[in-house]
Amino acid sequence: MKNFSDSTRKHPGCYDDAYLAGATWNWANADFSKTFSVQVLYKYLANHPINKHSWQLTTVWGIHFGQGLYTFSGYADLWHDNSVNGALVLSSEPQFWVNLWALDSVDDACKLSVGAEVEICNNLVWPTDGKNNRFYAIPTLAAKWTF
């Protein structure tokens, strides 16, 4: 029988059970076609064996343009961790959407969008060798329905 305690052990530096508290500044233009948020946060990493106390900077954005046909949105997180190369971790997922419902030839009830996302991270993903000191850019094609 397999011993599951070895295979399910957390990697050192994993970011499970992170708690955040801090300040947020939000902005939107008059018609909310452009939004932006910045958060400056204290970060407590409950399971981190080396660096439990940290900080995180988060930005979130959304821009609708081309009379609502296009959307550029996403987030970016940057935080401190002494256990990685350069002591910084980056995670971001910018998205670009074509909102088919904005086309004159598509019924307004059809809230379908097609687009792409790129997951960008540095010092975050745990490869098989157990070290997270790498940069990744992982593209994805997607479709979404807005309710």
Protein backbone atom coordinates (compact mmCIF):
# COMPACT_ATOMS: atom_id res chain seq x y z
CA MET A 1 0.00 0.00 0.00
CA LYS A 2 1.27 3.47 -0.88
CA ASN A 3 2.22 5.85 1.91
CA PHE A 4 0.26 9.01 1.06
CA SER A 5 1.92 11.14 3.72
CA ASP A 6 5.07 11.45 1.57
CA SER A 7 3.23 12.24 -1.68
CA THR A 8 0.94 14.88 -0.17
CA ARG A 9 3.58 16.71 1.88
CA LYS A 10 3.69 20.40 1.09
CA HIS A 11 6.76 21.77 -0.66
CA PRO A 12 8.80 24.26 1.36
CA GLY A 13 7.68 27.74 0.37
CA CYS A 14 4.20 26.69 -0.81
CA TYR A 15 1.65 29.48 -0.60
CA ASP A 16 -1.26 27.56 0.90
CA ASP A 17 -3.15 29.39 3.64
CA ALA A 18 -2.11 32.97 2.99
CA TYR A 19 -3.95 35.70 4.91
CA LEU A 20 -4.00 39.30 3.69
CA ALA A 21 -4.94 42.64 5.26
CA GLY A 22 -4.33 46.13 3.99
CA ALA A 23 -5.50 49.20 2.12
CA THR A 24 -7.17 49.49 -1.29
CA TRP A 25 -7.58 52.37 -3.70
CA ASN A 26 -10.23 51.93 -6.43
CA TRP A 27 -10.89 54.08 -9.47
CA ALA A 28 -13.47 54.02 -12.26
CA ASN A 29 -14.42 56.50 -14.95
CA ALA A 30 -17.99 57.82 -15.17
CA ASP A 31 -19.43 54.93 -17.22
CA PHE A 32 -17.24 52.21 -15.59
CA SER A 33 -15.69 51.31 -18.95
CA LYS A 34 -12.30 51.73 -17.27
CA THR A 35 -11.59 50.45 -13.76
CA PHE A 36 -8.40 50.13 -11.74
CA SER A 37 -7.57 48.99 -8.22
CA VAL A 38 -4.35 48.98 -6.19
CA GLN A 39 -3.99 47.06 -2.93
CA VAL A 40 -1.06 47.31 -0.51
CA LEU A 41 -1.23 44.33 1.81
CA TYR A 42 0.41 42.67 4.77
CA LYS A 43 0.66 38.95 3.96
CA TYR A 44 0.84 36.13 6.52
CA LEU A 45 1.95 32.79 5.03
CA ALA A 46 0.71 30.27 7.60
CA ASN A 47 2.51 27.20 6.18
CA HIS A 48 5.73 28.86 5.03
CA PRO A 49 8.67 27.34 6.93
CA ILE A 50 11.03 30.31 6.50
CA ASN A 51 9.17 33.56 5.87
CA LYS A 52 5.70 33.81 7.46
CA HIS A 53 5.50 37.62 7.39
CA SER A 54 5.52 39.34 4.02
CA TRP A 55 3.89 42.04 1.90
CA GLN A 56 1.96 41.99 -1.36
CA LEU A 57 1.08 44.59 -3.98
CA THR A 58 -1.99 43.76 -6.12
CA THR A 59 -3.41 45.60 -9.12
CA VAL A 60 -6.65 44.76 -10.92
CA TRP A 61 -7.79 46.44 -14.14
CA GLY A 62 -10.55 46.37 -16.71
CA ILE A 63 -10.91 48.38 -19.92
CA HIS A 64 -13.84 48.10 -22.34
CA PHE A 65 -13.26 49.77 -25.70
CA GLY A 66 -14.37 49.69 -29.33
CA GLN A 67 -17.96 50.46 -28.27
CA GLY A 68 -17.90 47.46 -25.91
CA LEU A 69 -16.59 45.00 -28.50
CA TYR A 70 -13.25 44.50 -26.71
CA THR A 71 -12.21 44.04 -23.09
CA PHE A 72 -8.70 44.05 -21.65
CA SER A 73 -8.68 42.96 -18.01
CA GLY A 74 -6.64 41.12 -15.43
CA TYR A 75 -4.58 41.33 -12.30
CA ALA A 76 -0.96 41.36 -11.17
CA ASP A 77 0.36 40.29 -7.76
CA LEU A 78 3.88 40.95 -6.55
CA TRP A 79 5.04 39.79 -3.12
CA HIS A 80 8.16 39.24 -1.07
CA ASP A 81 9.58 35.79 -0.25
CA ASN A 82 13.20 35.35 0.91
CA SER A 83 13.23 31.68 -0.16
CA VAL A 84 13.16 32.43 -3.94
CA ASN A 85 15.74 33.94 -6.28
CA GLY A 86 15.50 37.72 -6.12
CA ALA A 87 13.13 37.49 -3.10
CA LEU A 88 10.07 38.43 -5.24
CA VAL A 89 7.16 36.37 -6.59
CA LEU A 90 5.08 37.57 -9.55
CA SER A 91 1.71 36.26 -10.68
CA SER A 92 -0.37 37.93 -13.40
CA GLU A 93 -3.18 36.92 -15.75
CA PRO A 94 -3.92 39.56 -18.39
CA GLN A 95 -6.95 38.74 -20.55
CA PHE A 96 -8.18 40.02 -23.90
CA TRP A 97 -11.83 39.38 -24.90
CA VAL A 98 -13.94 39.96 -28.02
CA ASN A 99 -17.50 40.47 -26.79
CA LEU A 100 -19.65 38.99 -29.55
CA TRP A 101 -22.81 40.46 -28.00
CA ALA A 102 -21.53 43.94 -28.97
CA LEU A 103 -21.79 43.13 -32.68
CA ASP A 104 -24.91 44.39 -34.45
CA SER A 105 -25.41 41.00 -36.12
CA VAL A 106 -25.56 39.13 -32.77
CA ASP A 107 -28.66 39.05 -30.55
CA ASP A 108 -28.22 41.08 -27.34
CA ALA A 109 -29.24 38.00 -25.30
CA CYS A 110 -26.13 36.15 -26.51
CA LYS A 111 -23.55 37.19 -23.90
CA LEU A 112 -20.72 35.14 -25.41
CA SER A 113 -17.12 36.37 -25.49
CA VAL A 114 -14.05 34.68 -26.94
CA GLY A 115 -10.51 35.54 -26.07
CA ALA A 116 -7.22 34.63 -24.53
CA GLU A 117 -5.38 34.78 -21.25
CA VAL A 118 -1.69 34.50 -20.49
CA GLU A 119 -0.73 33.23 -17.05
CA ILE A 120 2.57 34.91 -16.22
CA CYS A 121 4.49 33.92 -13.14
CA ASN A 122 7.98 34.05 -11.77
CA ASN A 123 9.10 32.05 -8.71
CA LEU A 124 5.57 30.65 -8.22
CA VAL A 125 5.02 27.33 -10.04
CA TRP A 126 6.45 24.17 -8.43
CA PRO A 127 8.04 21.98 -11.13
CA THR A 128 8.95 18.35 -10.47
CA ASP A 129 12.44 19.19 -9.14
CA GLY A 130 10.87 21.05 -6.18
CA LYS A 131 12.33 24.46 -7.00
CA ASN A 132 10.12 27.40 -7.89
CA ASN A 133 12.84 29.72 -9.21
CA ARG A 134 11.51 29.88 -12.78
CA PHE A 135 9.56 32.12 -15.13
CA TYR A 136 6.46 30.78 -16.90
CA ALA A 137 4.12 32.25 -19.52
CA ILE A 138 1.18 29.92 -20.19
CA PRO A 139 -1.27 31.06 -22.91
CA THR A 140 -4.90 29.90 -22.96
CA LEU A 141 -7.72 30.32 -25.47
CA ALA A 142 -11.12 30.72 -23.87
CA ALA A 143 -14.83 31.36 -24.24
CA LYS A 144 -17.05 32.85 -21.55
CA TRP A 145 -20.70 33.64 -20.99
CA THR A 146 -21.57 36.79 -19.02
CA PHE A 147 -24.67 36.42 -16.84
